[in-house]
Amino acid sequence: MHTAASEPLQTRVGHPAACRLTRFMRTRPLLWFFGLAYAVSWAFWFPAVVASFHWIDPIPSRYLHLVGGLGPMLAAMIVTSLTEGQSGLTRLAKRCAAGGLWIVIAILIPAGLFLLAIAIIKTVYGAPIEWGSVGRTTEFPELPRSIYWLANVVFYGFGEEVGWRGFALPRLQSHASALRASLLLAVGWAGWHVPLFTFSAGLSNLGLPEAAGWFMSVVLGSILLTWLFNSSGGSVAVVALFHAALDIFISSPVAAPLPNLMGALLTVSTMLLIPLLGRRDLSRRPRVIEPASA
């Protein structure tokens, strides 16, 4: 039954300006999404950026980094609510709850790469492994391990992936191959990180060559996440948990070569996906696209 509750918000708001704005948003949902994602996240990060230039007194910038991760999710919810109403939000919520066996796979892949990298470190480098530091972080050392994991899943996992993969990727794939959509999304995803280069411990110390390497990791990560998203039938939970688990394992301060080795293993694995699965879908299943009305 068609009810007022199922209508997009703008049809229940009679103001002509609101209706015109929403009609324009319907024609450019991706533009609005990226604009809002940047605006929300950068607003949270702005005080930390200003503090990094010593224009104001130091502030707890590390936690602003966490909260800013919610920008893509909030942007996706706002644009979806205004253009599609409850039906669109319900579809987005279902993507967050789906996944099945792929949820297990999404966690096992980073764990497997971590163990393989550790084996290489012990065999080739003979370096000691700080096993007690697995799953810990140098950015938030005061947080209990379980709280850090939960924060990673909420802010960096779902906070980002509800937007990047849950909202943007299906729309990009409606007009482009999965590979091209992944590359386009990687550009927007990388640009979103720009303020972090001023205050985030992981990015602010990068030189130009390292920053170029970081950008390539974003591109490869975008391709890998597209494979997971399409293979799982469009599950946000799968890509969110993979994103969070990878961040947790790769940033664990257990041995110095760990991030580089895990990055190299991910690069090789991702490059193999393209010829094996094809550019069109990057998956054995058809790529996930947004309905024409969305």
Protein backbone atom coordinates (compact mmCIF):
# COMPACT_ATOMS: atom_id res chain seq x y z
CA MET A 1 0.00 0.00 0.00
CA HIS A 2 1.30 3.44 -0.87
CA THR A 3 1.25 5.65 2.21
CA ALA A 4 2.57 9.08 3.12
CA ALA A 5 5.13 7.44 5.38
CA SER A 6 6.75 5.73 2.39
CA GLU A 7 7.12 8.93 0.38
CA PRO A 8 10.39 10.83 0.21
CA LEU A 9 10.58 13.63 2.71
CA GLN A 10 10.26 16.38 0.14
CA THR A 11 6.77 15.29 -0.99
CA ARG A 12 5.53 15.90 2.55
CA VAL A 13 7.18 19.31 2.72
CA GLY A 14 5.15 21.73 0.67
CA HIS A 15 7.71 24.51 0.39
CA PRO A 16 8.50 25.05 -3.32
CA ALA A 17 12.19 25.72 -2.65
CA ALA A 18 12.50 22.43 -0.75
CA CYS A 19 10.84 20.58 -3.61
CA ARG A 20 13.17 22.16 -6.18
CA LEU A 21 16.21 21.30 -4.08
CA THR A 22 15.14 17.70 -3.73
CA ARG A 23 14.36 17.37 -7.44
CA PHE A 24 17.89 18.59 -8.20
CA MET A 25 19.28 16.18 -5.59
CA ARG A 26 17.47 13.34 -7.36
CA THR A 27 19.22 14.20 -10.63
CA ARG A 28 22.66 14.42 -8.98
CA PRO A 29 22.58 12.06 -5.97
CA LEU A 30 26.28 11.20 -6.21
CA LEU A 31 27.31 14.84 -6.37
CA TRP A 32 25.28 15.60 -3.27
CA PHE A 33 26.55 12.51 -1.49
CA PHE A 34 30.22 13.33 -2.02
CA GLY A 35 29.66 16.99 -1.16
CA LEU A 36 27.93 16.12 2.10
CA ALA A 37 30.40 13.36 2.99
CA TYR A 38 33.29 15.78 2.60
CA ALA A 39 31.46 18.59 4.40
CA VAL A 40 30.45 16.52 7.44
CA SER A 41 33.81 14.79 7.91
CA TRP A 42 35.87 17.89 7.23
CA ALA A 43 33.77 19.86 9.71
CA PHE A 44 34.72 17.36 12.43
CA TRP A 45 38.36 17.41 11.37
CA PHE A 46 38.66 21.19 10.93
CA PRO A 47 39.63 21.95 14.57
CA ALA A 48 42.37 19.32 14.39
CA VAL A 49 43.64 20.78 11.11
CA VAL A 50 43.76 24.26 12.66
CA ALA A 51 45.50 22.89 15.76
CA SER A 52 48.10 21.16 13.58
CA PHE A 53 49.20 24.59 12.34
CA HIS A 54 49.40 25.81 15.98
CA TRP A 55 46.72 28.44 15.39
CA ILE A 56 44.78 27.22 18.43
CA ASP A 57 45.65 25.28 21.56
CA PRO A 58 46.06 21.51 21.16
CA ILE A 59 42.82 19.52 21.14
CA PRO A 60 42.07 15.76 21.22
CA SER A 61 42.49 15.42 17.47
CA ARG A 62 42.73 11.63 17.61
CA TYR A 63 39.07 11.34 18.57
CA LEU A 64 38.01 13.84 15.94
CA HIS A 65 39.62 11.47 13.47
CA LEU A 66 37.29 8.72 14.68
CA VAL A 67 34.10 10.78 14.64
CA GLY A 68 34.84 12.21 11.19
CA GLY A 69 34.67 8.67 9.83
CA LEU A 70 30.88 8.88 10.15
CA GLY A 71 30.64 11.49 7.37
CA PRO A 72 30.02 9.09 4.43
CA MET A 73 27.35 7.17 6.36
CA LEU A 74 25.52 10.33 7.42
CA ALA A 75 25.70 11.72 3.88
CA ALA A 76 24.27 8.49 2.44
CA MET A 77 21.41 8.52 4.94
CA ILE A 78 20.57 12.18 4.29
CA VAL A 79 20.56 11.91 0.49
CA THR A 80 18.67 8.62 0.58
CA SER A 81 16.05 10.00 2.99
CA LEU A 82 15.44 13.13 0.94
CA THR A 83 15.32 11.44 -2.46
CA GLU A 84 13.81 8.01 -1.73
CA GLY A 85 12.25 8.17 1.71
CA GLN A 86 11.70 5.16 3.92
CA SER A 87 11.99 2.61 1.11
CA GLY A 88 15.51 3.77 0.28
CA LEU A 89 16.59 3.77 3.93
CA THR A 90 15.16 0.28 4.34
CA ARG A 91 17.14 -0.98 1.35
CA LEU A 92 20.30 0.57 2.79
CA ALA A 93 19.63 -1.00 6.19
CA LYS A 94 19.12 -4.42 4.61
CA ARG A 95 22.52 -4.14 2.94
CA CYS A 96 24.03 -3.52 6.38
CA ALA A 97 22.47 -6.70 7.77
CA ALA A 98 23.17 -9.08 4.87
CA GLY A 99 26.31 -11.09 4.28
CA GLY A 100 26.05 -14.68 5.50
CA LEU A 101 29.23 -16.71 4.97
CA TRP A 102 30.91 -13.75 3.30
CA ILE A 103 31.10 -12.02 6.68
CA VAL A 104 33.38 -14.82 7.90
CA ILE A 105 35.43 -14.61 4.70
CA ALA A 106 35.77 -10.84 5.09
CA ILE A 107 37.40 -11.30 8.52
CA LEU A 108 39.49 -14.34 7.59
CA ILE A 109 41.19 -12.64 4.63
CA PRO A 110 42.93 -9.91 6.69
CA ALA A 111 43.70 -12.44 9.43
CA GLY A 112 45.25 -14.81 6.88
CA LEU A 113 47.32 -12.06 5.29
CA PHE A 114 48.49 -11.01 8.75
CA LEU A 115 49.65 -14.53 9.61
CA LEU A 116 51.36 -14.93 6.24
CA ALA A 117 53.16 -11.62 6.70
CA ILE A 118 54.23 -12.66 10.22
CA ALA A 119 55.60 -15.95 8.84
CA ILE A 120 57.62 -14.04 6.23
CA ILE A 121 58.95 -11.64 8.87
CA LYS A 122 60.11 -14.47 11.10
CA THR A 123 61.60 -16.51 8.23
CA VAL A 124 63.23 -13.78 6.15
CA TYR A 125 63.96 -11.02 8.66
CA GLY A 126 64.24 -13.05 11.84
CA ALA A 127 62.66 -10.13 13.64
CA PRO A 128 60.95 -10.62 17.02
CA ILE A 129 57.15 -10.52 17.06
CA GLU A 130 55.37 -8.55 19.78
CA TRP A 131 52.40 -10.90 20.07
CA GLY A 132 50.94 -8.92 22.95
CA SER A 133 50.46 -5.95 20.61
CA VAL A 134 48.24 -7.78 18.10
CA GLY A 135 45.05 -5.78 17.68
CA ARG A 136 46.37 -2.75 19.54
CA THR A 137 46.98 0.72 18.15
CA THR A 138 49.59 3.42 18.59
CA GLU A 139 47.01 6.12 17.75
CA PHE A 140 44.67 5.26 20.64
CA PRO A 141 46.95 3.41 23.11
CA GLU A 142 44.75 4.30 26.09
CA LEU A 143 41.72 2.45 24.70
CA PRO A 144 41.09 -1.15 25.78
CA ARG A 145 41.52 -3.52 22.88
CA SER A 146 37.82 -4.43 22.69
CA ILE A 147 36.77 -0.76 22.67
CA TYR A 148 39.27 0.03 19.93
CA TRP A 149 37.96 -2.85 17.80
CA LEU A 150 34.36 -1.73 18.30
CA ALA A 151 35.26 1.87 17.45
CA ASN A 152 37.05 0.70 14.31
CA VAL A 153 34.01 -1.27 13.17
CA VAL A 154 31.56 1.57 13.88
CA PHE A 155 33.50 4.64 12.73
CA TYR A 156 35.86 3.34 10.02
CA GLY A 157 33.94 0.23 8.98
CA PHE A 158 30.25 1.11 8.80
CA GLY A 159 30.89 4.86 9.08
CA GLU A 160 32.70 4.83 5.75
CA GLU A 161 31.32 1.82 3.92
CA VAL A 162 27.61 2.62 4.25
CA GLY A 163 28.51 5.60 2.08
CA TRP A 164 31.33 4.46 -0.23
CA ARG A 165 30.08 0.98 -1.06
CA GLY A 166 26.49 0.99 0.23
CA PHE A 167 25.45 4.20 -1.55
CA ALA A 168 28.02 5.34 -4.12
CA LEU A 169 29.29 2.10 -5.67
CA PRO A 170 25.93 0.70 -6.89
CA ARG A 171 25.15 4.03 -8.55
CA LEU A 172 28.56 4.20 -10.22
CA GLN A 173 28.19 0.60 -11.39
CA SER A 174 24.85 1.47 -12.97
CA HIS A 175 26.75 3.51 -15.57
CA ALA A 176 30.20 1.89 -15.63
CA SER A 177 31.99 -1.42 -15.30
CA ALA A 178 32.90 -2.58 -11.81
CA LEU A 179 36.57 -1.78 -12.45
CA ARG A 180 35.92 1.73 -13.73
CA ALA A 181 33.47 2.37 -10.89
CA SER A 182 36.13 1.24 -8.42
CA LEU A 183 38.69 3.64 -9.90
CA LEU A 184 36.25 6.57 -9.86
CA LEU A 185 35.27 5.82 -6.27
CA ALA A 186 38.94 5.54 -5.29
CA VAL A 187 39.52 9.14 -6.39
CA GLY A 188 36.64 10.43 -4.27
CA TRP A 189 37.67 8.20 -1.35
CA ALA A 190 41.27 9.41 -1.49
CA GLY A 191 40.25 13.07 -1.72
CA TRP A 192 38.11 12.70 1.39
CA HIS A 193 41.30 11.88 3.36
CA VAL A 194 43.12 15.12 2.47
CA PRO A 195 42.67 16.92 5.85
CA LEU A 196 44.13 13.88 7.63
CA PHE A 197 47.51 14.60 6.05
CA THR A 198 47.82 17.54 8.45
CA PHE A 199 47.21 15.77 11.77
CA SER A 200 46.74 11.99 11.47
CA ALA A 201 49.80 10.08 12.70
CA GLY A 202 49.55 7.61 9.84
CA LEU A 203 49.42 10.20 7.04
CA SER A 204 50.99 13.43 8.28
CA ASN A 205 54.51 11.96 8.18
CA LEU A 206 54.32 10.75 4.59
CA GLY A 207 56.58 12.27 1.95
CA LEU A 208 55.58 12.57 -1.69
CA PRO A 209 56.72 9.04 -2.70
CA GLU A 210 54.98 7.52 0.32
CA ALA A 211 51.81 9.52 -0.40
CA ALA A 212 51.83 8.18 -3.97
CA GLY A 213 52.14 4.68 -2.58
CA TRP A 214 49.26 5.38 -0.19
CA PHE A 215 47.08 6.52 -3.11
CA MET A 216 47.83 3.30 -4.98
CA SER A 217 46.80 1.36 -1.88
CA VAL A 218 43.47 3.21 -1.92
CA VAL A 219 42.96 2.31 -5.58
CA LEU A 220 43.76 -1.35 -4.96
CA GLY A 221 41.64 -1.36 -1.81
CA SER A 222 38.72 0.05 -3.78
CA ILE A 223 39.01 -2.79 -6.32
CA LEU A 224 39.23 -5.42 -3.59
CA LEU A 225 36.23 -4.00 -1.74
CA THR A 226 34.22 -3.94 -4.97
CA TRP A 227 34.97 -7.65 -5.40
CA LEU A 228 33.73 -8.35 -1.86
CA PHE A 229 30.66 -6.15 -2.26
CA ASN A 230 29.57 -7.68 -5.57
CA SER A 231 30.46 -11.24 -4.55
CA SER A 232 28.35 -10.96 -1.39
CA GLY A 233 25.37 -9.62 -3.33
CA GLY A 234 25.81 -6.07 -2.06
CA SER A 235 26.51 -6.56 1.64
CA VAL A 236 27.70 -3.46 3.50
CA ALA A 237 28.42 -5.60 6.56
CA VAL A 238 30.98 -7.63 4.58
CA VAL A 239 32.96 -4.64 3.31
CA ALA A 240 32.66 -2.81 6.65
CA LEU A 241 34.04 -5.75 8.63
CA PHE A 242 36.80 -6.33 6.08
CA HIS A 243 37.73 -2.63 6.23
CA ALA A 244 37.82 -2.65 10.03
CA ALA A 245 39.67 -5.98 10.34
CA LEU A 246 42.30 -4.92 7.81
CA ASP A 247 42.87 -1.62 9.66
CA ILE A 248 43.23 -3.48 12.96
CA PHE A 249 45.67 -6.11 11.70
CA ILE A 250 47.80 -3.92 9.45
CA SER A 251 48.26 -1.23 12.12
CA SER A 252 49.12 -3.66 14.92
CA PRO A 253 52.58 -2.62 16.23
CA VAL A 254 53.98 -6.15 16.29
CA ALA A 255 56.91 -5.76 13.85
CA ALA A 256 58.20 -2.88 11.72
CA PRO A 257 57.85 -4.53 8.26
CA LEU A 258 54.24 -5.64 8.86
CA PRO A 259 52.35 -2.81 7.07
CA ASN A 260 54.58 -2.97 4.00
CA LEU A 261 54.40 -6.75 3.75
CA MET A 262 50.64 -6.88 4.18
CA GLY A 263 50.34 -4.09 1.61
CA ALA A 264 52.46 -6.05 -0.85
CA LEU A 265 50.40 -9.21 -0.34
CA LEU A 266 47.19 -7.25 -0.87
CA THR A 267 48.59 -5.71 -4.03
CA VAL A 268 49.43 -9.08 -5.56
CA SER A 269 46.07 -10.56 -4.56
CA THR A 270 44.10 -7.62 -5.96
CA MET A 271 45.98 -7.53 -9.26
CA LEU A 272 45.09 -11.19 -9.78
CA LEU A 273 41.37 -10.46 -9.37
CA ILE A 274 41.09 -8.36 -12.54
CA PRO A 275 42.15 -11.01 -15.12
CA LEU A 276 40.47 -13.81 -13.16
CA LEU A 277 37.07 -12.16 -12.77
CA GLY A 278 36.92 -9.58 -15.56
CA ARG A 279 36.51 -5.83 -15.49
CA ARG A 280 32.75 -5.79 -15.99
CA ASP A 281 31.70 -7.29 -12.64
CA LEU A 282 34.91 -8.09 -10.70
CA SER A 283 32.92 -11.01 -9.37
CA ARG A 284 31.39 -14.35 -10.34
CA ARG A 285 28.04 -12.69 -9.69
CA PRO A 286 26.63 -9.72 -11.63
CA ARG A 287 27.73 -6.37 -10.22
CA VAL A 288 25.29 -4.68 -7.85
CA ILE A 289 23.53 -1.67 -9.35
CA GLU A 290 21.06 0.80 -7.92
CA PRO A 291 17.48 0.68 -9.25
CA ALA A 292 16.81 3.26 -11.95
CA SER A 293 14.39 5.09 -9.66
CA ALA A 294 16.99 5.56 -6.92
